[in-house]
Amino acid sequence: MTLYEIISVIVASLAFLLSLYSAINTYYEKHIKIKLYIRWVHEVSTQLNVSLLISNMSSRPATLTHIFLKNNDDIVESSWHHARLLSQTIDNKEKICWSDVTPINIPARSSSSPIICFQHLNNFKLTNNLILIYIVDGVRYEQSLNVNRVLPNSDMLIALDYQLKHNN
């Protein structure tokens, strides 16, 4: 074999290895699953407000179409309508903080922080773990999430006030 043939085999082998690495990396990035975290919860009579952090590090956008809360033996779906959480007058205009509803679109390599309401909870007792069932792009997941922060009413007002001022 001549020097030219040896170099061309080495270059072809390196090109093959790089394309194989690229194909594996692309496959992996497309199939990264979204992750759900609970930022805080707030309980009011028969309603539970849950602030979620939804992270999508995939190279494809994802759509969260349904969120359910396992409540004792019941399964309760998140509110189908926007619930009014807080209203204030800012700059002589009334601004309202609404809860989010599904579907929630999460672009590729980004995150979202919706506040989801679960209403008409009967015999609900808030524990350190919430079991959420959610459907992302047609695939059903069930996950037990730790509740690290339960907001009292005063802290809930502060959190919603911050959201009003920064999202409107």
N, C-alpha and C. Protein backbone atom coordinates (compact mmCIF):
# COMPACT_ATOMS: atom_id res chain seq x y z
N MET A 1 0.83 -1.18 0.00
CA MET A 1 0.00 0.00 0.00
C MET A 1 0.87 1.24 0.00
N THR A 2 0.43 2.18 -0.76
CA THR A 2 1.18 3.43 -0.85
C THR A 2 0.75 4.36 0.28
N LEU A 3 1.51 5.40 0.48
CA LEU A 3 1.22 6.40 1.50
C LEU A 3 -0.13 7.06 1.24
N TYR A 4 -0.44 7.32 -0.03
CA TYR A 4 -1.71 7.94 -0.41
C TYR A 4 -2.89 7.04 -0.03
N GLU A 5 -2.78 5.74 -0.24
CA GLU A 5 -3.84 4.80 0.11
C GLU A 5 -4.03 4.71 1.63
N ILE A 6 -2.93 4.72 2.37
CA ILE A 6 -3.00 4.66 3.84
C ILE A 6 -3.70 5.90 4.39
N ILE A 7 -3.35 7.06 3.86
CA ILE A 7 -3.97 8.32 4.32
C ILE A 7 -5.46 8.33 3.99
N SER A 8 -5.83 7.87 2.81
CA SER A 8 -7.25 7.88 2.44
C SER A 8 -8.05 6.89 3.30
N VAL A 9 -7.47 5.75 3.70
CA VAL A 9 -8.16 4.82 4.59
C VAL A 9 -8.33 5.45 5.97
N ILE A 10 -7.30 6.13 6.46
CA ILE A 10 -7.38 6.80 7.77
C ILE A 10 -8.45 7.90 7.75
N VAL A 11 -8.47 8.71 6.70
CA VAL A 11 -9.46 9.78 6.58
C VAL A 11 -10.87 9.21 6.49
N ALA A 12 -11.05 8.16 5.71
CA ALA A 12 -12.37 7.53 5.59
C ALA A 12 -12.81 6.94 6.93
N SER A 13 -11.89 6.34 7.67
CA SER A 13 -12.22 5.77 8.98
C SER A 13 -12.62 6.87 9.97
N LEU A 14 -11.88 7.97 9.97
CA LEU A 14 -12.22 9.09 10.84
C LEU A 14 -13.59 9.69 10.47
N ALA A 15 -13.87 9.82 9.19
CA ALA A 15 -15.17 10.33 8.75
C ALA A 15 -16.30 9.41 9.19
N PHE A 16 -16.08 8.10 9.09
CA PHE A 16 -17.08 7.14 9.54
C PHE A 16 -17.33 7.27 11.03
N LEU A 17 -16.26 7.36 11.82
CA LEU A 17 -16.40 7.47 13.28
C LEU A 17 -17.11 8.76 13.68
N LEU A 18 -16.80 9.86 13.00
CA LEU A 18 -17.47 11.13 13.30
C LEU A 18 -18.94 11.09 12.93
N SER A 19 -19.27 10.50 11.81
CA SER A 19 -20.68 10.42 11.43
C SER A 19 -21.45 9.46 12.36
N LEU A 20 -20.81 8.40 12.81
CA LEU A 20 -21.43 7.49 13.77
C LEU A 20 -21.69 8.21 15.10
N TYR A 21 -20.72 8.97 15.56
CA TYR A 21 -20.88 9.76 16.78
C TYR A 21 -22.02 10.76 16.62
N SER A 22 -22.09 11.42 15.51
CA SER A 22 -23.15 12.41 15.25
C SER A 22 -24.52 11.75 15.23
N ALA A 23 -24.63 10.58 14.62
CA ALA A 23 -25.91 9.88 14.56
C ALA A 23 -26.37 9.45 15.94
N ILE A 24 -25.46 8.93 16.75
CA ILE A 24 -25.80 8.51 18.11
C ILE A 24 -26.21 9.71 18.96
N ASN A 25 -25.46 10.81 18.84
CA ASN A 25 -25.75 12.01 19.60
C ASN A 25 -27.11 12.60 19.21
N THR A 26 -27.42 12.63 17.93
CA THR A 26 -28.71 13.15 17.45
C THR A 26 -29.85 12.29 17.95
N TYR A 27 -29.70 10.98 17.89
CA TYR A 27 -30.73 10.07 18.40
C TYR A 27 -30.96 10.30 19.88
N TYR A 28 -29.88 10.41 20.64
CA TYR A 28 -29.98 10.63 22.08
C TYR A 28 -30.69 11.95 22.39
N GLU A 29 -30.30 13.04 21.71
CA GLU A 29 -30.89 14.35 21.97
C GLU A 29 -32.37 14.41 21.62
N LYS A 30 -32.79 13.67 20.61
CA LYS A 30 -34.21 13.66 20.23
C LYS A 30 -35.05 12.93 21.27
N HIS A 31 -34.46 11.99 21.97
CA HIS A 31 -35.24 11.13 22.86
C HIS A 31 -35.05 11.43 24.34
N ILE A 32 -34.54 12.62 24.66
CA ILE A 32 -34.48 13.03 26.07
C ILE A 32 -35.89 13.34 26.52
N LYS A 33 -36.29 12.81 27.64
CA LYS A 33 -37.64 13.01 28.15
C LYS A 33 -37.71 14.32 28.95
N ILE A 34 -38.91 14.91 28.99
CA ILE A 34 -39.06 16.11 29.79
C ILE A 34 -39.04 15.72 31.27
N LYS A 35 -38.67 16.68 32.10
CA LYS A 35 -38.62 16.45 33.54
C LYS A 35 -39.56 17.45 34.21
N LEU A 36 -40.27 16.96 35.21
CA LEU A 36 -41.21 17.78 35.97
C LEU A 36 -40.71 17.92 37.40
N TYR A 37 -40.78 19.13 37.93
CA TYR A 37 -40.43 19.41 39.31
C TYR A 37 -41.53 20.29 39.91
N ILE A 38 -41.79 20.14 41.18
CA ILE A 38 -42.74 21.01 41.87
C ILE A 38 -41.95 22.13 42.53
N ARG A 39 -42.28 23.37 42.18
CA ARG A 39 -41.63 24.52 42.81
C ARG A 39 -42.29 24.83 44.14
N TRP A 40 -43.61 24.92 44.14
CA TRP A 40 -44.37 25.15 45.37
C TRP A 40 -45.81 24.73 45.16
N VAL A 41 -46.52 24.56 46.28
CA VAL A 41 -47.96 24.26 46.23
C VAL A 41 -48.66 25.21 47.20
N HIS A 42 -49.93 25.44 46.91
CA HIS A 42 -50.76 26.28 47.77
C HIS A 42 -52.15 25.66 47.80
N GLU A 43 -52.66 25.44 49.00
CA GLU A 43 -53.95 24.77 49.15
C GLU A 43 -54.98 25.76 49.67
N VAL A 44 -56.13 25.81 48.97
CA VAL A 44 -57.25 26.67 49.37
C VAL A 44 -58.50 25.82 49.32
N SER A 45 -59.13 25.59 50.44
CA SER A 45 -60.33 24.75 50.58
C SER A 45 -60.25 23.51 49.69
N THR A 46 -60.99 23.45 48.61
CA THR A 46 -60.98 22.25 47.76
C THR A 46 -60.17 22.45 46.49
N GLN A 47 -59.25 23.41 46.49
CA GLN A 47 -58.41 23.69 45.31
C GLN A 47 -56.94 23.60 45.71
N LEU A 48 -56.16 23.01 44.83
CA LEU A 48 -54.71 22.92 45.03
C LEU A 48 -54.04 23.59 43.84
N ASN A 49 -53.24 24.62 44.12
CA ASN A 49 -52.46 25.29 43.08
C ASN A 49 -51.04 24.75 43.15
N VAL A 50 -50.54 24.30 42.01
CA VAL A 50 -49.21 23.69 41.96
C VAL A 50 -48.38 24.45 40.93
N SER A 51 -47.26 25.00 41.36
CA SER A 51 -46.33 25.65 40.44
C SER A 51 -45.31 24.60 40.01
N LEU A 52 -45.28 24.34 38.72
CA LEU A 52 -44.38 23.31 38.17
C LEU A 52 -43.22 23.95 37.44
N LEU A 53 -42.13 23.26 37.38
CA LEU A 53 -41.03 23.59 36.49
C LEU A 53 -40.91 22.42 35.53
N ILE A 54 -41.15 22.69 34.25
CA ILE A 54 -41.11 21.65 33.23
C ILE A 54 -39.90 21.93 32.36
N SER A 55 -38.98 21.00 32.32
CA SER A 55 -37.73 21.15 31.59
C SER A 55 -37.70 20.21 30.39
N ASN A 56 -37.42 20.77 29.21
CA ASN A 56 -37.34 19.99 27.98
C ASN A 56 -35.96 20.22 27.35
N MET A 57 -35.03 19.32 27.61
CA MET A 57 -33.69 19.46 27.05
C MET A 57 -33.52 18.68 25.75
N SER A 58 -34.62 18.18 25.21
CA SER A 58 -34.60 17.47 23.94
C SER A 58 -34.38 18.46 22.80
N SER A 59 -34.02 17.95 21.65
CA SER A 59 -33.87 18.81 20.47
C SER A 59 -35.19 18.98 19.74
N ARG A 60 -36.27 18.39 20.28
CA ARG A 60 -37.61 18.53 19.70
C ARG A 60 -38.53 19.22 20.70
N PRO A 61 -39.49 19.99 20.24
CA PRO A 61 -40.46 20.56 21.17
C PRO A 61 -41.36 19.46 21.72
N ALA A 62 -41.94 19.71 22.88
CA ALA A 62 -42.84 18.74 23.52
C ALA A 62 -44.13 19.44 23.90
N THR A 63 -45.21 18.66 23.96
CA THR A 63 -46.51 19.19 24.36
C THR A 63 -47.07 18.34 25.49
N LEU A 64 -47.30 18.99 26.61
CA LEU A 64 -47.92 18.33 27.75
C LEU A 64 -49.43 18.54 27.59
N THR A 65 -50.15 17.46 27.32
CA THR A 65 -51.57 17.57 26.97
C THR A 65 -52.52 17.37 28.14
N HIS A 66 -52.16 16.60 29.14
CA HIS A 66 -53.02 16.36 30.29
C HIS A 66 -52.16 16.23 31.55
N ILE A 67 -52.70 16.72 32.67
CA ILE A 67 -52.06 16.54 33.97
C ILE A 67 -53.15 16.09 34.95
N PHE A 68 -52.89 15.01 35.64
CA PHE A 68 -53.83 14.46 36.62
C PHE A 68 -53.13 14.38 37.97
N LEU A 69 -53.91 14.51 39.04
CA LEU A 69 -53.43 14.35 40.40
C LEU A 69 -54.10 13.13 40.99
N LYS A 70 -53.29 12.22 41.52
CA LYS A 70 -53.84 11.05 42.19
C LYS A 70 -54.19 11.48 43.61
N ASN A 71 -55.48 11.43 43.92
CA ASN A 71 -56.01 11.89 45.20
C ASN A 71 -56.67 10.71 45.89
N ASN A 72 -55.99 10.12 46.86
CA ASN A 72 -56.47 8.89 47.51
C ASN A 72 -56.74 7.84 46.43
N ASP A 73 -57.99 7.46 46.23
CA ASP A 73 -58.31 6.50 45.18
C ASP A 73 -58.84 7.20 43.93
N ASP A 74 -58.97 8.52 43.98
CA ASP A 74 -59.47 9.31 42.85
C ASP A 74 -58.32 9.79 41.98
N ILE A 75 -58.65 10.07 40.74
CA ILE A 75 -57.72 10.75 39.84
C ILE A 75 -58.44 11.99 39.36
N VAL A 76 -57.86 13.17 39.65
CA VAL A 76 -58.49 14.45 39.33
C VAL A 76 -57.67 15.14 38.25
N GLU A 77 -58.34 15.58 37.18
CA GLU A 77 -57.63 16.29 36.10
C GLU A 77 -57.50 17.76 36.46
N SER A 78 -56.45 18.39 35.94
CA SER A 78 -56.26 19.82 36.19
C SER A 78 -57.41 20.60 35.56
N SER A 79 -57.58 21.80 36.03
CA SER A 79 -58.69 22.64 35.59
C SER A 79 -58.66 22.84 34.08
N TRP A 80 -59.82 22.78 33.46
CA TRP A 80 -59.94 22.96 32.01
C TRP A 80 -60.08 24.43 31.64
N HIS A 81 -60.20 25.27 32.64
CA HIS A 81 -60.35 26.70 32.38
C HIS A 81 -59.34 27.45 33.23
N HIS A 82 -59.08 28.68 32.84
CA HIS A 82 -58.16 29.51 33.62
C HIS A 82 -58.84 29.93 34.91
N ALA A 83 -58.19 29.68 36.02
CA ALA A 83 -58.71 30.11 37.32
C ALA A 83 -58.05 31.43 37.69
N ARG A 84 -58.86 32.35 38.17
CA ARG A 84 -58.34 33.67 38.56
C ARG A 84 -57.64 33.52 39.91
N LEU A 85 -56.35 33.79 39.94
CA LEU A 85 -55.58 33.61 41.17
C LEU A 85 -55.38 34.92 41.92
N LEU A 86 -55.22 36.03 41.18
CA LEU A 86 -54.97 37.32 41.81
C LEU A 86 -55.27 38.41 40.81
N SER A 87 -55.80 39.53 41.28
CA SER A 87 -55.97 40.69 40.42
C SER A 87 -55.49 41.92 41.17
N GLN A 88 -54.85 42.83 40.44
CA GLN A 88 -54.32 44.05 41.02
C GLN A 88 -54.48 45.17 40.02
N THR A 89 -54.42 46.39 40.52
CA THR A 89 -54.39 47.56 39.64
C THR A 89 -52.95 48.04 39.57
N ILE A 90 -52.39 47.96 38.38
CA ILE A 90 -51.02 48.39 38.15
C ILE A 90 -51.06 49.42 37.02
N ASP A 91 -50.51 50.61 37.26
CA ASP A 91 -50.50 51.69 36.26
C ASP A 91 -51.92 51.99 35.77
N ASN A 92 -52.86 52.08 36.70
CA ASN A 92 -54.28 52.38 36.41
C ASN A 92 -54.95 51.36 35.51
N LYS A 93 -54.41 50.16 35.44
CA LYS A 93 -55.03 49.07 34.67
C LYS A 93 -55.15 47.86 35.58
N GLU A 94 -56.27 47.16 35.44
CA GLU A 94 -56.42 45.94 36.22
C GLU A 94 -55.66 44.81 35.53
N LYS A 95 -54.77 44.19 36.27
CA LYS A 95 -54.01 43.05 35.75
C LYS A 95 -54.41 41.83 36.55
N ILE A 96 -54.57 40.73 35.84
CA ILE A 96 -55.06 39.50 36.46
C ILE A 96 -54.03 38.39 36.26
N CYS A 97 -53.78 37.65 37.32
CA CYS A 97 -52.91 36.48 37.23
C CYS A 97 -53.80 35.25 37.15
N TRP A 98 -53.73 34.54 36.04
CA TRP A 98 -54.56 33.37 35.80
C TRP A 98 -53.71 32.11 35.95
N SER A 99 -54.36 31.02 36.25
CA SER A 99 -53.66 29.73 36.24
C SER A 99 -53.48 29.30 34.78
N ASP A 100 -52.60 28.38 34.56
CA ASP A 100 -52.38 27.85 33.22
C ASP A 100 -53.24 26.62 33.01
N VAL A 101 -53.51 26.31 31.76
CA VAL A 101 -54.27 25.12 31.41
C VAL A 101 -53.51 24.34 30.35
N THR A 102 -53.86 23.08 30.21
CA THR A 102 -53.25 22.26 29.17
C THR A 102 -53.99 22.48 27.87
N PRO A 103 -53.36 22.31 26.75
CA PRO A 103 -51.99 21.84 26.53
C PRO A 103 -50.96 22.93 26.77
N ILE A 104 -49.79 22.50 27.21
CA ILE A 104 -48.66 23.39 27.45
C ILE A 104 -47.55 22.99 26.48
N ASN A 105 -47.14 23.92 25.65
CA ASN A 105 -46.06 23.67 24.70
C ASN A 105 -44.73 24.09 25.31
N ILE A 106 -43.75 23.20 25.24
CA ILE A 106 -42.42 23.50 25.76
C ILE A 106 -41.45 23.40 24.59
N PRO A 107 -40.90 24.54 24.15
CA PRO A 107 -39.96 24.50 23.03
C PRO A 107 -38.72 23.66 23.36
N ALA A 108 -37.99 23.30 22.31
CA ALA A 108 -36.77 22.51 22.48
C ALA A 108 -35.75 23.29 23.31
N ARG A 109 -35.05 22.58 24.15
CA ARG A 109 -33.98 23.12 25.00
C ARG A 109 -34.42 24.34 25.80
N SER A 110 -35.57 24.23 26.44
CA SER A 110 -36.06 25.33 27.27
C SER A 110 -36.91 24.77 28.40
N SER A 111 -37.48 25.66 29.18
CA SER A 111 -38.33 25.22 30.28
C SER A 111 -39.54 26.14 30.39
N SER A 112 -40.49 25.71 31.18
CA SER A 112 -41.72 26.46 31.39
C SER A 112 -42.09 26.35 32.86
N SER A 113 -42.74 27.40 33.40
CA SER A 113 -43.13 27.41 34.81
C SER A 113 -44.62 27.72 34.96
N PRO A 114 -45.49 26.79 34.61
CA PRO A 114 -46.92 27.05 34.75
C PRO A 114 -47.41 26.84 36.18
N ILE A 115 -48.54 27.49 36.48
CA ILE A 115 -49.24 27.24 37.73
C ILE A 115 -50.52 26.48 37.35
N ILE A 116 -50.64 25.27 37.83
CA ILE A 116 -51.76 24.40 37.48
C ILE A 116 -52.70 24.30 38.68
N CYS A 117 -54.01 24.38 38.42
CA CYS A 117 -55.02 24.27 39.47
C CYS A 117 -55.73 22.92 39.39
N PHE A 118 -55.87 22.30 40.52
CA PHE A 118 -56.70 21.12 40.64
C PHE A 118 -57.87 21.52 41.53
N GLN A 119 -59.08 21.47 40.98
CA GLN A 119 -60.25 21.94 41.70
C GLN A 119 -61.15 20.78 42.10
N HIS A 120 -62.04 21.07 43.02
CA HIS A 120 -63.05 20.11 43.51
C HIS A 120 -62.39 18.85 44.08
N LEU A 121 -61.39 19.07 44.92
CA LEU A 121 -60.72 17.94 45.58
C LEU A 121 -61.50 17.58 46.84
N ASN A 122 -62.01 16.39 46.86
CA ASN A 122 -62.77 15.92 48.02
C ASN A 122 -61.88 15.04 48.88
N ASN A 123 -61.90 15.27 50.19
CA ASN A 123 -61.11 14.48 51.14
C ASN A 123 -59.63 14.47 50.78
N PHE A 124 -59.12 15.59 50.30
CA PHE A 124 -57.71 15.67 49.92
C PHE A 124 -56.87 16.04 51.13
N LYS A 125 -55.78 15.31 51.31
CA LYS A 125 -54.84 15.62 52.38
C LYS A 125 -53.47 15.79 51.75
N LEU A 126 -52.90 16.98 51.89
CA LEU A 126 -51.59 17.29 51.31
C LEU A 126 -50.50 16.57 52.09
N THR A 127 -49.67 15.82 51.37
CA THR A 127 -48.56 15.09 51.98
C THR A 127 -47.25 15.59 51.37
N ASN A 128 -46.14 14.97 51.77
CA ASN A 128 -44.84 15.36 51.23
C ASN A 128 -44.62 14.92 49.79
N ASN A 129 -45.45 14.02 49.30
CA ASN A 129 -45.34 13.55 47.91
C ASN A 129 -46.68 13.70 47.22
N LEU A 130 -46.64 14.22 46.01
CA LEU A 130 -47.82 14.27 45.15
C LEU A 130 -47.57 13.32 43.99
N ILE A 131 -48.57 12.55 43.66
CA ILE A 131 -48.45 11.65 42.51
C ILE A 131 -49.16 12.32 41.33
N LEU A 132 -48.37 12.68 40.33
CA LEU A 132 -48.91 13.31 39.13
C LEU A 132 -48.84 12.32 37.98
N ILE A 133 -49.89 12.29 37.22
CA ILE A 133 -49.94 11.51 35.98
C ILE A 133 -50.04 12.54 34.87
N TYR A 134 -49.16 12.48 33.89
CA TYR A 134 -49.17 13.45 32.82
C TYR A 134 -48.91 12.77 31.49
N ILE A 135 -49.43 13.40 30.45
CA ILE A 135 -49.29 12.85 29.09
C ILE A 135 -48.50 13.85 28.27
N VAL A 136 -47.37 13.40 27.75
CA VAL A 136 -46.50 14.23 26.91
C VAL A 136 -46.37 13.56 25.55
N ASP A 137 -46.78 14.26 24.52
CA ASP A 137 -46.71 13.75 23.15
C ASP A 137 -47.32 12.35 23.02
N GLY A 138 -48.43 12.13 23.71
CA GLY A 138 -49.14 10.87 23.61
C GLY A 138 -48.64 9.76 24.51
N VAL A 139 -47.60 10.00 25.29
CA VAL A 139 -47.04 8.97 26.18
C VAL A 139 -47.40 9.33 27.62
N ARG A 140 -47.95 8.36 28.35
CA ARG A 140 -48.41 8.57 29.73
C ARG A 140 -47.28 8.27 30.71
N TYR A 141 -47.08 9.19 31.66
CA TYR A 141 -46.07 9.02 32.72
C TYR A 141 -46.75 9.18 34.06
N GLU A 142 -46.28 8.45 35.05
CA GLU A 142 -46.75 8.61 36.42
C GLU A 142 -45.52 8.84 37.28
N GLN A 143 -45.57 9.92 38.09
CA GLN A 143 -44.39 10.29 38.85
C GLN A 143 -44.78 10.79 40.23
N SER A 144 -44.06 10.35 41.23
CA SER A 144 -44.24 10.86 42.59
C SER A 144 -43.24 11.98 42.79
N LEU A 145 -43.74 13.18 43.09
CA LEU A 145 -42.88 14.35 43.22
C LEU A 145 -42.88 14.86 44.66
N ASN A 146 -41.71 15.26 45.13
CA ASN A 146 -41.59 15.80 46.48
C ASN A 146 -42.16 17.21 46.55
N VAL A 147 -42.85 17.48 47.63
CA VAL A 147 -43.36 18.82 47.90
C VAL A 147 -42.40 19.45 48.90
N ASN A 148 -41.55 20.34 48.41
CA ASN A 148 -40.56 20.97 49.27
C ASN A 148 -41.08 22.24 49.92
N ARG A 149 -42.03 22.91 49.27
CA ARG A 149 -42.49 24.20 49.78
C ARG A 149 -44.00 24.30 49.66
N VAL A 150 -44.65 24.47 50.79
CA VAL A 150 -46.09 24.73 50.84
C VAL A 150 -46.24 26.20 51.23
N LEU A 151 -46.80 26.99 50.31
CA LEU A 151 -46.88 28.43 50.55
C LEU A 151 -48.10 28.79 51.40
N PRO A 152 -47.89 29.59 52.44
CA PRO A 152 -49.04 30.17 53.13
C PRO A 152 -49.63 31.28 52.27
N ASN A 153 -50.79 31.79 52.65
CA ASN A 153 -51.46 32.81 51.84
C ASN A 153 -50.60 34.04 51.58
N SER A 154 -49.86 34.50 52.58
CA SER A 154 -49.03 35.71 52.39
C SER A 154 -47.93 35.49 51.35
N ASP A 155 -47.28 34.33 51.38
CA ASP A 155 -46.24 34.03 50.39
C ASP A 155 -46.83 33.78 49.01
N MET A 156 -48.04 33.24 48.97
CA MET A 156 -48.72 33.02 47.69
C MET A 156 -48.99 34.37 47.01
N LEU A 157 -49.42 35.35 47.78
CA LEU A 157 -49.65 36.69 47.22
C LEU A 157 -48.37 37.30 46.68
N ILE A 158 -47.27 37.09 47.37
CA ILE A 158 -45.98 37.62 46.91
C ILE A 158 -45.57 36.94 45.60
N ALA A 159 -45.73 35.61 45.53
CA ALA A 159 -45.36 34.88 44.32
C ALA A 159 -46.21 35.30 43.13
N LEU A 160 -47.50 35.48 43.35
CA LEU A 160 -48.39 35.88 42.26
C LEU A 160 -48.16 37.34 41.87
N ASP A 161 -47.83 38.18 42.84
CA ASP A 161 -47.51 39.57 42.55
C ASP A 161 -46.28 39.66 41.66
N TYR A 162 -45.27 38.86 41.96
CA TYR A 162 -44.06 38.81 41.13
C TYR A 162 -44.41 38.37 39.71
N GLN A 163 -45.25 37.35 39.61
CA GLN A 163 -45.64 36.86 38.29
C GLN A 163 -46.43 37.91 37.51
N LEU A 164 -47.29 38.65 38.19
CA LEU A 164 -48.05 39.71 37.54
C LEU A 164 -47.14 40.77 36.95
N LYS A 165 -46.15 41.18 37.71
CA LYS A 165 -45.27 42.26 37.27
C LYS A 165 -44.29 41.84 36.19
N HIS A 166 -43.94 40.55 36.14
CA HIS A 166 -42.91 40.13 35.19
C HIS A 166 -43.46 39.41 33.96
N ASN A 167 -44.71 39.00 33.98
CA ASN A 167 -45.27 38.28 32.83
C ASN A 167 -46.25 39.11 32.02
N ASN A 168 -46.62 40.28 32.50
CA ASN A 168 -47.59 41.08 31.76
C ASN A 168 -46.95 42.28 31.12
